[in-house]
Amino acid sequence: MSTLQPLLDDTLIRLRRAATDLSDVEVKDASGGTPGGLAEIVSAFATGSGGLLVLGLSEAQDFAPTGIDASALADAVESACADQLEPPVRPEIDVCQVEGHAVVVVVVDELPADRKPCYVRSKGLERGVFVRTHDGVRPMTTYEIHLLIASRGQPRDDRAPVPGTGTGDLDRRLVDALLQRLRTTRGPNFHHAAEEEILELLGVTMHTDDGVCLTLAGLMALGRYPQRFFPQLDITFVVHPTTSGEPLADGTRFLDNQSIDGPIPSMVSIALTAMRRNMKRRAIIAGAGREDRWEYPEGAIRELVVNALMHRDYHPMAHGTQIRLMMYPDRLEIANPGGLHGPISRESLLVEPVSSISRNATLAKLLEDVQVPDEGQAVCENRGSGLLATAAELRRAGMDPPELSDSVHQFTVSIANHGLLDAEAVEWLAGVDTSGLNDRQRLGLAFLHRKGSLTNRQYRTLNGCDAREATRELGALSTRGLLEKRGDRRGTVWYLAESFDDVTTSVSPDLPTEPPARRQRRDRREEIRALLESGPCSTKELSSAIGIKSKGLLLWMRRMENAGEVRRTETTPNSPRNRWALVRSGRNR
């Protein structure tokens, strides 16, 4: 069997469920020979986060095979990747099978940051770099290309002089607190140095032909009102009334709306105040009882705001773009201009400290000692652990890990406002034999209960463990009969086992010996489909009609949902109005 066959099998399920191409999968008919735009597609995948190109399926016919000359197409793809792109790309190419027909599968890995962007030679660098959209590609903008090239080295945008500024534009209170801290903690270089010398050493001021002026870093960290010079270098805080961001029927667009100005320390403080004004208190399970906490941990919010202000892009082309802090009924999002800088992967940000080049090195170093007003606490530690600390705060609160999105020109962090270990999840876990499992494994089960599927990367992010621990603990859950996996290699996904609620044998996760005995479970899917033919039903209604517990029924529903056979009627998974409905378009498998 082809080494890429399991990956194709799982991808085909996703494609048919979505009834369209995906952001990481491009499908081409290719029945007429080599399709156009291959180089552009590979450029987008290699410059972005990687992806899968499948030749020989028809999107218009529910991704049925079209009949291709697989050998010739595989050679054409390999040639295009080597000859038409700079730098050349060496994808993994294999011929797989769908319903007995040959299909060419091409795995394009993301290029290292120091080799991006990948462009089509015939179009040149300015017009030949492409970025992935939902189900296609578009040319990258000049600004996006600049960001990729800047990631190869150390930008100095934060050290740029700001004409027309001087030490009179500094906030005296912030400067005095900084000087006192430096003279106390930083050794002999600062004990007896004059203020002017210290400010120049830190990169707050610099000499130009027109005299001494502030740098951008100095202005943003210590200025009285930086927005006098850069009106858009601030934060917009918005509370949306709907999950989509659309106005209410009465025309209400925002429940709260504020421009947060001032130097970075002040913006951090004001942002936290704005969040407190709009957050609710919620009860979570803590130990043997319940505890009231803010719906978002304040420590996590602070880390996100500081990271956005410290790591945003300060290049002149980005001066017109604000940081956006947005509250929705179901989530919190913060977005800043400029994607990840340097050779950093999204997943590593949430599981280990990142030691790499900071986009704004002078500003980051400065904020180690600049204090937030009335707190006596430095703005940041500058140890590459901001998002790691955010994930830890959320983990302690029993919440989902943050979701990270990097689109070259923008970096976004999203936090769901529900808890993984809320009362419903704790009640569900109480009905499961979790003896011998550790806390990470229990949290993984709760995640699967809510989400329906789990990858090794998600398990690592959820628990802050390394890949070896994640593999061992997921494997132990599988040995115990709680989980089953589908796919292989990069396409491996874990699901709750079909016989999940039949497993009662306790096996230590550190000593996975023999698989526990299972009782054969009757397939309930036909009964469920028959009941749903007459219209949507609740979980309780279905479990009562079939004669099984709600917990067991939910396992079948999530399995059918993952296969694209059923859907929820509400966008919020835990809504009391939720019903299950048949998916009548596409294939039911």
Protein backbone atom coordinates (compact mmCIF):
# COMPACT_ATOMS: atom_id res chain seq x y z
CA MET A 1 0.00 0.00 0.00
CA SER A 2 1.16 3.54 -0.73
CA THR A 3 2.75 5.28 2.24
CA LEU A 4 0.37 8.22 1.72
CA GLN A 5 -2.80 6.13 1.35
CA PRO A 6 -4.00 6.52 5.00
CA LEU A 7 -3.49 10.29 4.74
CA LEU A 8 -5.52 10.40 1.52
CA ASP A 9 -8.31 8.26 3.03
CA ASP A 10 -8.78 10.64 5.97
CA THR A 11 -8.46 13.70 3.73
CA LEU A 12 -11.19 12.37 1.44
CA ILE A 13 -13.59 12.16 4.39
CA ARG A 14 -12.86 15.79 5.26
CA LEU A 15 -13.29 16.91 1.65
CA ARG A 16 -16.63 15.17 1.18
CA ARG A 17 -17.89 16.49 4.48
CA ALA A 18 -16.95 20.06 3.50
CA ALA A 19 -18.02 19.61 -0.15
CA THR A 20 -15.16 21.93 -1.19
CA ASP A 21 -11.38 22.29 -1.15
CA LEU A 22 -9.86 23.04 2.23
CA SER A 23 -7.32 25.63 3.32
CA ASP A 24 -4.62 22.93 3.48
CA VAL A 25 -5.86 20.73 0.62
CA GLU A 26 -6.10 21.54 -3.10
CA VAL A 27 -7.84 19.07 -5.44
CA LYS A 28 -7.53 19.10 -9.23
CA ASP A 29 -9.49 17.09 -11.81
CA ALA A 30 -6.39 16.57 -14.04
CA SER A 31 -8.29 14.25 -16.40
CA GLY A 32 -7.12 16.41 -19.31
CA GLY A 33 -3.47 16.32 -18.30
CA THR A 34 -1.33 18.62 -16.19
CA PRO A 35 -3.59 21.35 -14.70
CA GLY A 36 -2.52 24.99 -14.78
CA GLY A 37 -1.34 26.85 -11.72
CA LEU A 38 0.61 23.99 -10.12
CA ALA A 39 3.60 26.19 -9.34
CA GLU A 40 1.36 28.84 -7.75
CA ILE A 41 -0.29 26.24 -5.50
CA VAL A 42 3.04 24.80 -4.36
CA SER A 43 4.38 28.34 -3.77
CA ALA A 44 1.43 29.05 -1.46
CA PHE A 45 1.81 25.82 0.50
CA ALA A 46 5.62 26.10 0.83
CA THR A 47 5.45 29.75 1.85
CA GLY A 48 2.56 29.12 4.21
CA SER A 49 2.07 26.17 6.55
CA GLY A 50 2.40 23.34 4.04
CA GLY A 51 -0.42 21.42 2.42
CA LEU A 52 -1.68 18.56 0.32
CA LEU A 53 -2.23 18.58 -3.46
CA VAL A 54 -4.41 15.78 -4.87
CA LEU A 55 -4.64 15.20 -8.62
CA GLY A 56 -7.34 13.01 -10.13
CA LEU A 57 -10.52 13.82 -8.17
CA SER A 58 -13.54 15.85 -9.27
CA GLU A 59 -14.81 18.39 -6.75
CA ALA A 60 -18.00 18.80 -8.80
CA GLN A 61 -18.77 15.07 -8.47
CA ASP A 62 -18.27 14.68 -4.71
CA PHE A 63 -14.55 14.08 -5.20
CA ALA A 64 -14.99 10.99 -7.32
CA PRO A 65 -11.91 9.76 -9.27
CA THR A 66 -11.61 11.09 -12.81
CA GLY A 67 -9.10 8.76 -14.46
CA ILE A 68 -5.59 10.12 -15.00
CA ASP A 69 -2.17 9.21 -16.31
CA ALA A 70 -0.71 9.05 -12.80
CA SER A 71 2.91 8.46 -13.82
CA ALA A 72 2.99 11.43 -16.21
CA LEU A 73 1.30 13.73 -13.68
CA ALA A 74 3.71 12.75 -10.89
CA ASP A 75 6.65 13.55 -13.19
CA ALA A 76 5.07 16.90 -14.18
CA VAL A 77 4.61 17.93 -10.54
CA GLU A 78 8.17 16.98 -9.63
CA SER A 79 9.50 18.94 -12.62
CA ALA A 80 7.41 22.05 -11.81
CA CYS A 81 8.56 22.06 -8.20
CA ALA A 82 12.22 21.75 -9.17
CA ASP A 83 12.36 24.02 -12.24
CA GLN A 84 9.65 26.67 -11.84
CA LEU A 85 10.12 27.67 -8.18
CA GLU A 86 12.79 29.52 -6.22
CA PRO A 87 13.93 28.02 -3.98
CA PRO A 88 13.20 24.63 -5.54
CA VAL A 89 10.73 22.49 -3.61
CA ARG A 90 11.14 18.73 -3.09
CA PRO A 91 7.68 17.42 -2.12
CA GLU A 92 6.76 13.85 -1.26
CA ILE A 93 4.85 12.42 -4.23
CA ASP A 94 3.04 9.09 -4.39
CA VAL A 95 0.35 7.34 -6.40
CA CYS A 96 -2.61 6.24 -4.26
CA GLN A 97 -5.99 4.65 -4.93
CA VAL A 98 -9.58 5.92 -4.64
CA GLU A 99 -12.29 3.42 -5.53
CA GLY A 100 -9.80 1.44 -7.62
CA HIS A 101 -8.52 4.45 -9.60
CA ALA A 102 -5.07 6.01 -9.43
CA VAL A 103 -4.71 9.40 -7.74
CA VAL A 104 -1.51 11.46 -7.37
CA VAL A 105 -0.91 12.77 -3.83
CA VAL A 106 1.66 15.53 -3.24
CA VAL A 107 2.73 16.53 0.29
CA VAL A 108 4.31 20.01 0.34
CA ASP A 109 6.12 20.88 3.58
CA GLU A 110 6.45 24.41 4.89
CA LEU A 111 9.83 25.96 4.08
CA PRO A 112 12.09 27.09 6.95
CA ALA A 113 11.71 30.80 7.73
CA ASP A 114 15.17 31.61 6.39
CA ARG A 115 14.20 30.21 2.93
CA LYS A 116 10.85 31.96 2.55
CA PRO A 117 9.25 33.17 0.40
CA CYS A 118 8.96 30.57 -2.37
CA TYR A 119 8.15 32.32 -5.66
CA VAL A 120 7.40 31.39 -9.27
CA ARG A 121 10.54 32.27 -11.22
CA SER A 122 8.75 33.44 -14.36
CA LYS A 123 6.78 36.02 -12.34
CA GLY A 124 9.65 37.30 -10.21
CA LEU A 125 9.73 37.97 -6.47
CA GLU A 126 7.35 40.95 -6.50
CA ARG A 127 4.53 39.14 -8.34
CA GLY A 128 5.39 35.48 -7.94
CA VAL A 129 4.72 34.73 -4.28
CA PHE A 130 1.32 33.26 -3.47
CA VAL A 131 -0.73 32.76 -0.32
CA ARG A 132 -3.47 30.25 0.34
CA THR A 133 -7.08 31.42 0.63
CA HIS A 134 -9.94 29.15 1.69
CA ASP A 135 -9.92 27.06 -1.50
CA GLY A 136 -7.52 28.85 -3.84
CA VAL A 137 -4.47 31.11 -3.98
CA ARG A 138 -3.81 34.83 -4.39
CA PRO A 139 -0.62 36.85 -4.94
CA MET A 140 1.04 38.11 -1.78
CA THR A 141 1.09 41.84 -1.20
CA THR A 142 4.31 43.84 -1.07
CA TYR A 143 3.87 44.18 2.70
CA GLU A 144 3.48 40.42 3.21
CA ILE A 145 6.61 39.73 1.16
CA HIS A 146 8.47 42.32 3.22
CA LEU A 147 7.48 40.51 6.42
CA LEU A 148 8.82 37.19 5.17
CA ILE A 149 12.13 38.67 4.07
CA ALA A 150 12.43 40.62 7.34
CA SER A 151 12.09 37.33 9.26
CA ARG A 152 15.46 36.23 7.88
CA GLY A 153 17.30 38.77 10.03
CA GLN A 154 16.85 41.30 12.81
CA PRO A 155 14.48 44.17 11.97
CA ARG A 156 15.41 47.56 13.38
CA ASP A 157 12.08 49.33 12.95
CA ASP A 158 11.77 49.87 16.72
CA ARG A 159 15.12 51.73 16.70
CA ALA A 160 14.01 54.19 14.03
CA PRO A 161 14.24 57.86 15.12
CA VAL A 162 10.95 59.73 15.49
CA PRO A 163 11.50 63.25 14.05
CA GLY A 164 10.12 66.09 16.13
CA THR A 165 10.39 64.27 19.44
CA GLY A 166 12.60 64.92 22.44
CA THR A 167 12.95 64.02 26.10
CA GLY A 168 10.10 66.41 26.83
CA ASP A 169 7.77 63.85 25.22
CA LEU A 170 8.63 61.23 27.87
CA ASP A 171 6.35 60.36 30.79
CA ARG A 172 8.30 61.56 33.81
CA ARG A 173 6.75 59.02 36.18
CA LEU A 174 7.65 56.09 33.94
CA VAL A 175 11.20 57.36 33.42
CA ASP A 176 11.85 57.91 37.15
CA ALA A 177 10.59 54.42 38.01
CA LEU A 178 12.79 52.95 35.26
CA LEU A 179 15.93 54.76 36.43
CA GLN A 180 15.37 53.69 40.04
CA ARG A 181 14.91 50.07 39.03
CA LEU A 182 18.01 50.05 36.80
CA ARG A 183 20.24 51.65 39.43
CA THR A 184 19.05 49.05 41.94
CA THR A 185 19.23 45.90 39.83
CA ARG A 186 21.49 46.38 36.81
CA GLY A 187 24.94 46.77 38.30
CA PRO A 188 27.71 49.40 38.13
CA ASN A 189 27.00 50.59 34.58
CA PHE A 190 23.86 52.28 35.85
CA HIS A 191 24.73 53.14 39.47
CA HIS A 192 26.20 56.55 38.79
CA ALA A 193 25.42 57.14 35.12
CA ALA A 194 23.54 60.28 34.17
CA GLU A 195 19.95 60.01 32.93
CA GLU A 196 20.90 61.09 29.41
CA GLU A 197 23.53 58.36 29.18
CA ILE A 198 21.17 55.66 30.47
CA LEU A 199 18.42 56.61 28.02
CA GLU A 200 20.88 56.43 25.14
CA LEU A 201 22.28 53.08 26.34
CA LEU A 202 18.77 51.62 26.41
CA GLY A 203 17.88 52.89 22.96
CA VAL A 204 15.26 55.32 24.25
CA THR A 205 17.05 58.27 22.63
CA MET A 206 19.49 58.67 19.78
CA HIS A 207 21.57 61.43 18.18
CA THR A 208 20.61 62.62 14.71
CA ASP A 209 21.70 65.52 12.51
CA ASP A 210 18.83 67.49 14.04
CA GLY A 211 19.80 66.71 17.62
CA VAL A 212 18.59 64.16 20.18
CA CYS A 213 15.24 62.53 19.52
CA LEU A 214 13.31 59.51 20.77
CA THR A 215 13.39 56.15 19.06
CA LEU A 216 10.12 54.42 18.26
CA ALA A 217 10.84 51.93 21.09
CA GLY A 218 11.48 54.74 23.55
CA LEU A 219 8.34 56.59 22.52
CA MET A 220 6.09 53.52 22.76
CA ALA A 221 7.52 52.35 26.10
CA LEU A 222 7.94 55.67 27.89
CA GLY A 223 6.22 58.40 25.88
CA ARG A 224 3.52 60.63 27.34
CA TYR A 225 1.25 60.17 24.34
CA PRO A 226 2.81 58.22 21.44
CA GLN A 227 -0.42 58.52 19.41
CA ARG A 228 0.36 62.19 18.85
CA PHE A 229 2.95 60.95 16.35
CA PHE A 230 1.43 57.59 15.41
CA PRO A 231 -2.37 57.76 15.86
CA GLN A 232 -2.98 54.10 14.95
CA LEU A 233 -0.33 52.50 17.16
CA ASP A 234 -2.89 51.68 19.82
CA ILE A 235 -5.49 49.04 20.74
CA THR A 236 -9.12 48.97 19.70
CA PHE A 237 -11.30 47.16 22.23
CA VAL A 238 -14.69 45.96 21.04
CA VAL A 239 -17.40 43.79 22.61
CA HIS A 240 -19.55 42.20 19.91
CA PRO A 241 -23.15 41.21 20.69
CA THR A 242 -23.08 38.15 18.40
CA THR A 243 -20.62 35.32 17.75
CA SER A 244 -20.31 36.35 14.09
CA GLY A 245 -19.69 40.03 14.90
CA GLU A 246 -22.87 41.06 13.08
CA PRO A 247 -25.15 43.75 14.63
CA LEU A 248 -28.29 42.84 16.55
CA ALA A 249 -31.69 43.17 14.88
CA ASP A 250 -32.15 46.58 16.51
CA GLY A 251 -28.93 47.83 14.89
CA THR A 252 -26.68 47.52 17.98
CA ARG A 253 -23.15 46.99 16.65
CA PHE A 254 -21.11 47.00 19.87
CA LEU A 255 -21.84 46.45 23.56
CA ASP A 256 -18.62 48.31 24.40
CA ASN A 257 -16.13 50.11 22.19
CA GLN A 258 -12.95 51.90 23.29
CA SER A 259 -9.71 53.17 21.79
CA ILE A 260 -6.90 52.37 24.22
CA ASP A 261 -4.09 54.94 23.89
CA GLY A 262 -0.95 55.94 25.74
CA PRO A 263 2.44 54.26 26.21
CA ILE A 264 2.59 50.49 26.34
CA PRO A 265 2.46 50.22 30.18
CA SER A 266 -0.70 52.34 30.27
CA MET A 267 -2.32 50.41 27.41
CA VAL A 268 -1.75 47.14 29.29
CA SER A 269 -3.43 48.53 32.41
CA ILE A 270 -6.36 50.10 30.52
CA ALA A 271 -6.97 46.92 28.51
CA LEU A 272 -7.26 44.86 31.69
CA THR A 273 -9.72 47.39 33.14
CA ALA A 274 -11.83 47.23 29.98
CA MET A 275 -11.88 43.44 30.11
CA ARG A 276 -12.93 43.39 33.78
CA ARG A 277 -15.76 45.78 32.95
CA ASN A 278 -17.16 43.28 30.44
CA MET A 279 -16.28 39.88 31.88
CA LYS A 280 -18.65 37.64 33.79
CA ARG A 281 -17.92 35.46 36.77
CA ARG A 282 -18.37 31.73 36.24
CA ALA A 283 -18.29 28.69 38.48
CA ILE A 284 -15.69 26.01 37.80
CA ILE A 285 -14.86 22.73 39.51
CA ALA A 286 -11.82 23.19 41.78
CA GLY A 287 -10.86 20.26 43.96
CA ALA A 288 -13.90 19.01 45.84
CA GLY A 289 -16.05 22.08 45.27
CA ARG A 290 -16.92 24.99 43.04
CA GLU A 291 -15.06 28.27 42.71
CA ASP A 292 -16.11 31.56 41.12
CA ARG A 293 -13.59 33.01 38.67
CA TRP A 294 -13.51 35.48 35.80
CA GLU A 295 -14.52 33.82 32.54
CA TYR A 296 -11.00 34.61 31.25
CA PRO A 297 -7.98 34.45 33.61
CA GLU A 298 -6.53 37.93 34.04
CA GLY A 299 -2.99 36.58 33.84
CA ALA A 300 -3.73 35.13 30.41
CA ILE A 301 -5.25 38.39 29.17
CA ARG A 302 -2.26 40.38 30.37
CA GLU A 303 0.22 38.05 28.63
CA LEU A 304 -1.70 38.28 25.36
CA VAL A 305 -1.91 42.08 25.41
CA VAL A 306 1.79 42.44 26.27
CA ASN A 307 2.79 39.97 23.54
CA ALA A 308 0.73 41.83 20.95
CA LEU A 309 2.22 45.22 21.87
CA MET A 310 5.78 43.93 22.10
CA HIS A 311 5.84 41.72 19.00
CA ARG A 312 3.60 43.59 16.56
CA ASP A 313 5.17 44.84 13.35
CA TYR A 314 6.38 48.46 13.70
CA HIS A 315 7.48 48.83 10.07
CA PRO A 316 6.15 52.06 8.48
CA MET A 317 3.82 50.02 6.23
CA ALA A 318 2.08 48.75 9.37
CA HIS A 319 1.74 52.07 11.19
CA GLY A 320 -1.87 52.41 10.05
CA THR A 321 -2.96 49.10 11.59
CA GLN A 322 -4.12 48.80 15.19
CA ILE A 323 -4.03 45.89 17.59
CA ARG A 324 -7.58 44.55 17.98
CA LEU A 325 -8.91 43.13 21.26
CA MET A 326 -12.34 41.62 20.57
CA MET A 327 -14.82 39.95 22.91
CA TYR A 328 -17.56 37.76 21.43
CA PRO A 329 -20.24 35.82 23.33
CA ASP A 330 -18.24 32.62 22.88
CA ARG A 331 -14.60 33.73 22.67
CA LEU A 332 -11.90 36.38 23.11
CA GLU A 333 -9.59 37.28 20.23
CA ILE A 334 -6.54 39.52 20.02
CA ALA A 335 -4.92 40.24 16.66
CA ASN A 336 -1.75 42.20 15.93
CA PRO A 337 -0.07 43.26 12.67
CA GLY A 338 2.74 40.99 11.52
CA GLY A 339 2.87 37.20 11.68
CA LEU A 340 5.37 35.14 13.64
CA HIS A 341 8.92 36.39 13.27
CA GLY A 342 11.85 34.05 12.74
CA PRO A 343 12.05 30.23 12.81
CA ILE A 344 9.18 29.67 15.25
CA SER A 345 6.38 27.12 14.94
CA ARG A 346 2.94 27.85 16.38
CA GLU A 347 2.77 24.61 18.36
CA SER A 348 6.14 25.22 20.08
CA LEU A 349 4.87 28.53 21.49
CA LEU A 350 2.41 26.66 23.73
CA VAL A 351 4.58 23.79 24.97
CA GLU A 352 8.11 25.12 25.50
CA PRO A 353 9.97 28.43 25.99
CA VAL A 354 11.01 29.85 22.64
CA SER A 355 14.55 31.16 22.35
CA SER A 356 14.75 33.11 19.12
CA ILE A 357 15.17 36.52 17.56
CA SER A 358 12.62 39.06 18.74
CA ARG A 359 11.14 41.22 15.98
CA ASN A 360 11.57 44.29 18.23
CA ALA A 361 14.72 43.51 20.21
CA THR A 362 15.25 47.02 21.64
CA LEU A 363 11.63 47.39 22.72
CA ALA A 364 11.55 43.89 24.25
CA LYS A 365 14.72 44.55 26.25
CA LEU A 366 13.39 47.91 27.41
CA LEU A 367 10.06 46.49 28.60
CA GLU A 368 11.91 44.13 30.95
CA ASP A 369 12.41 47.15 33.25
CA VAL A 370 9.60 49.55 32.37
CA GLN A 371 6.88 49.21 34.99
CA VAL A 372 3.10 49.21 34.66
CA PRO A 373 1.68 52.23 36.55
CA ASP A 374 0.47 51.49 40.10
CA GLU A 375 1.62 47.85 39.87
CA GLY A 376 5.35 48.05 40.53
CA GLN A 377 5.69 45.16 38.07
CA ALA A 378 7.71 45.15 34.86
CA VAL A 379 5.71 44.94 31.66
CA CYS A 380 7.31 41.63 30.62
CA GLU A 381 10.01 39.09 31.37
CA ASN A 382 11.21 38.82 27.75
CA ARG A 383 12.04 35.15 28.08
CA GLY A 384 10.04 33.82 25.12
CA SER A 385 7.44 32.35 27.48
CA GLY A 386 4.44 34.66 27.12
CA LEU A 387 2.15 32.26 25.26
CA LEU A 388 3.47 29.36 27.34
CA ALA A 389 2.33 31.25 30.46
CA THR A 390 -1.02 31.95 28.79
CA ALA A 391 -1.54 28.24 28.09
CA ALA A 392 -0.62 27.41 31.68
CA GLU A 393 -3.12 29.98 33.05
CA LEU A 394 -5.88 28.50 30.92
CA ARG A 395 -4.91 24.97 31.90
CA ARG A 396 -5.17 25.87 35.60
CA ALA A 397 -8.62 27.32 34.90
CA GLY A 398 -9.69 24.10 33.16
CA MET A 399 -10.11 25.88 29.83
CA ASP A 400 -9.27 25.03 26.23
CA PRO A 401 -5.74 25.98 25.14
CA PRO A 402 -5.55 29.11 22.97
CA GLU A 403 -5.89 28.75 19.23
CA LEU A 404 -3.14 30.46 17.21
CA SER A 405 -3.48 31.72 13.66
CA ASP A 406 -0.57 33.10 11.63
CA SER A 407 -1.44 34.61 8.24
CA VAL A 408 1.92 36.30 7.48
CA HIS A 409 0.52 39.83 7.90
CA GLN A 410 -1.40 39.12 11.11
CA PHE A 411 -1.08 36.95 14.22
CA THR A 412 -4.27 36.08 16.10
CA VAL A 413 -4.87 34.34 19.41
CA SER A 414 -8.36 33.08 20.26
CA ILE A 415 -9.62 31.77 23.61
CA ALA A 416 -12.97 30.00 24.00
CA ASN A 417 -14.90 31.12 27.07
CA HIS A 418 -16.11 27.68 28.14
CA GLY A 419 -14.24 25.35 30.45
CA LEU A 420 -13.15 21.84 29.55
CA LEU A 421 -13.77 20.81 33.15
CA ASP A 422 -17.12 22.49 33.68
CA ALA A 423 -19.93 20.80 35.61
CA GLU A 424 -21.15 18.86 32.55
CA ALA A 425 -17.67 17.51 31.76
CA VAL A 426 -17.04 16.53 35.39
CA GLU A 427 -20.37 14.70 35.48
CA TRP A 428 -19.47 12.89 32.26
CA LEU A 429 -16.04 11.88 33.55
CA ALA A 430 -17.66 10.58 36.75
CA GLY A 431 -19.36 7.93 34.62
CA VAL A 432 -16.07 6.77 33.11
CA ASP A 433 -13.60 4.39 34.74
CA THR A 434 -10.60 6.74 34.98
CA SER A 435 -8.80 4.87 37.76
CA GLY A 436 -5.10 4.70 37.01
CA LEU A 437 -5.21 7.63 34.59
CA ASN A 438 -3.23 10.80 35.21
CA ASP A 439 -4.67 14.33 35.05
CA ARG A 440 -3.39 14.87 31.51
CA GLN A 441 -5.22 11.80 30.26
CA ARG A 442 -8.44 12.85 32.00
CA LEU A 443 -8.18 16.28 30.40
CA GLY A 444 -7.61 14.60 27.04
CA LEU A 445 -10.81 12.58 27.51
CA ALA A 446 -12.71 15.76 28.42
CA PHE A 447 -11.36 17.42 25.28
CA LEU A 448 -12.52 14.48 23.17
CA HIS A 449 -15.92 14.51 24.88
CA ARG A 450 -16.37 18.14 23.83
CA LYS A 451 -14.54 18.24 20.48
CA GLY A 452 -14.96 14.72 19.12
CA SER A 453 -11.36 14.25 17.92
CA LEU A 454 -7.81 14.85 19.16
CA THR A 455 -4.36 14.97 17.57
CA ASN A 456 -0.98 14.43 19.20
CA ARG A 457 -0.25 18.14 18.72
CA GLN A 458 -3.52 19.14 20.40
CA TYR A 459 -2.76 16.81 23.32
CA ARG A 460 0.65 18.44 23.76
CA THR A 461 -0.84 21.93 23.63
CA LEU A 462 -3.64 20.98 25.99
CA ASN A 463 -1.32 19.53 28.62
CA GLY A 464 2.01 21.26 28.06
CA CYS A 465 3.83 17.94 27.64
CA ASP A 466 6.40 16.83 25.08
CA ALA A 467 5.78 14.62 22.04
CA ARG A 468 7.13 11.47 23.70
CA GLU A 469 4.80 11.83 26.70
CA ALA A 470 1.83 12.57 24.45
CA THR A 471 2.48 9.50 22.29
CA ARG A 472 2.90 7.23 25.31
CA GLU A 473 -0.20 8.47 27.12
CA LEU A 474 -2.46 8.42 24.07
CA GLY A 475 -1.21 4.92 23.28
CA ALA A 476 -2.00 3.84 26.85
CA LEU A 477 -5.55 5.16 26.51
CA SER A 478 -5.88 3.19 23.28
CA THR A 479 -4.53 0.01 24.91
CA ARG A 480 -7.06 0.44 27.64
CA GLY A 481 -9.81 0.54 25.03
CA LEU A 482 -10.83 4.17 25.59
CA LEU A 483 -9.47 5.57 22.32
CA GLU A 484 -9.06 4.44 18.75
CA LYS A 485 -6.97 6.13 16.09
CA ARG A 486 -7.50 6.73 12.42
CA GLY A 487 -4.84 7.62 9.88
CA ASP A 488 -1.09 7.45 10.09
CA ARG A 489 1.92 9.74 10.31
CA ARG A 490 0.91 13.40 10.12
CA GLY A 491 -2.72 12.41 9.55
CA THR A 492 -3.19 10.50 12.84
CA VAL A 493 -6.37 11.50 14.69
CA TRP A 494 -7.71 9.98 17.92
CA TYR A 495 -11.39 9.35 18.69
CA LEU A 496 -13.32 7.91 21.62
CA ALA A 497 -13.57 4.16 21.01
CA GLU A 498 -16.86 2.71 19.84
CA SER A 499 -16.93 0.46 22.91
CA PHE A 500 -15.91 3.33 25.23
CA ASP A 501 -18.62 2.87 27.84
CA ASP A 502 -18.20 -0.91 27.86
CA VAL A 503 -14.63 -0.76 29.17
CA THR A 504 -14.33 -1.32 32.92
CA THR A 505 -10.90 -2.89 33.35
CA SER A 506 -8.41 -0.63 35.12
CA VAL A 507 -4.94 -0.59 33.58
CA SER A 508 -2.10 1.70 34.65
CA PRO A 509 -1.09 4.10 31.86
CA ASP A 510 2.54 3.34 32.68
CA LEU A 511 2.06 -0.43 32.36
CA PRO A 512 0.01 -1.06 29.21
CA THR A 513 -0.14 -4.85 29.10
CA GLU A 514 -2.98 -6.73 27.43
CA PRO A 515 -6.00 -4.99 25.89
CA PRO A 516 -9.06 -5.15 28.19
CA ALA A 517 -11.96 -7.38 27.31
CA ARG A 518 -14.73 -5.72 25.32
CA ARG A 519 -18.32 -6.60 24.71
CA GLN A 520 -19.47 -6.39 21.12
CA ARG A 521 -21.58 -3.29 20.69
CA ARG A 522 -24.52 -3.16 18.38
CA ASP A 523 -24.25 -0.59 15.61
CA ARG A 524 -26.82 2.09 16.42
CA ARG A 525 -26.33 4.32 13.38
CA GLU A 526 -29.18 2.94 11.30
CA GLU A 527 -31.59 3.38 14.22
CA ILE A 528 -30.40 6.96 14.71
CA ARG A 529 -30.76 7.80 11.03
CA ALA A 530 -34.28 6.34 10.99
CA LEU A 531 -35.32 8.48 13.98
CA LEU A 532 -33.84 11.63 12.47
CA GLU A 533 -35.62 11.11 9.15
CA SER A 534 -38.73 12.67 10.72
CA GLY A 535 -36.82 15.73 11.96
CA PRO A 536 -34.20 16.93 14.49
CA CYS A 537 -34.13 15.27 17.92
CA SER A 538 -32.36 15.98 21.19
CA THR A 539 -29.81 13.63 22.75
CA LYS A 540 -32.31 12.76 25.46
CA GLU A 541 -35.04 11.97 22.93
CA LEU A 542 -32.74 9.73 20.90
CA SER A 543 -31.31 7.87 23.89
CA SER A 544 -34.81 7.25 25.26
CA ALA A 545 -36.12 5.98 21.92
CA ILE A 546 -33.15 3.64 21.35
CA GLY A 547 -32.88 2.52 24.96
CA ILE A 548 -29.28 3.40 25.76
CA LYS A 549 -27.68 5.90 28.14
CA SER A 550 -27.12 9.47 26.95
CA LYS A 551 -23.36 8.96 27.36
CA GLY A 552 -23.38 6.02 24.97
CA LEU A 553 -25.67 7.82 22.54
CA LEU A 554 -23.33 10.83 22.47
CA LEU A 555 -20.45 8.62 21.37
CA TRP A 556 -22.44 7.50 18.36
CA MET A 557 -23.53 11.07 17.58
CA ARG A 558 -19.97 12.41 17.66
CA ARG A 559 -18.80 9.54 15.49
CA MET A 560 -21.55 10.30 12.96
CA GLU A 561 -20.83 14.03 13.20
CA ASN A 562 -17.13 13.44 12.42
CA ALA A 563 -18.20 11.36 9.41
CA GLY A 564 -20.44 14.17 8.18
CA GLU A 565 -23.67 12.20 8.68
CA VAL A 566 -25.32 14.45 11.28
CA ARG A 567 -24.99 18.04 12.46
CA ARG A 568 -26.00 20.15 15.42
CA THR A 569 -28.79 22.67 14.94
CA GLU A 570 -27.09 25.35 17.09
CA THR A 571 -23.67 26.93 16.58
CA THR A 572 -22.87 26.71 20.31
CA PRO A 573 -22.18 23.03 21.18
CA ASN A 574 -23.63 23.23 24.72
CA SER A 575 -26.74 25.22 23.89
CA PRO A 576 -29.83 23.71 25.62
CA ARG A 577 -31.71 24.25 22.32
CA ASN A 578 -29.35 21.95 20.43
CA ARG A 579 -30.85 19.14 18.39
CA TRP A 580 -29.31 16.57 16.07
CA ALA A 581 -30.26 16.67 12.38
CA LEU A 582 -29.34 14.56 9.37
CA VAL A 583 -26.92 15.99 6.81
CA ARG A 584 -28.80 15.42 3.59
CA SER A 585 -26.23 16.83 1.13
CA GLY A 586 -23.21 14.82 0.05
CA ARG A 587 -22.64 11.21 0.93
CA ASN A 588 -23.72 9.56 4.14
CA ARG A 589 -21.21 6.95 5.04
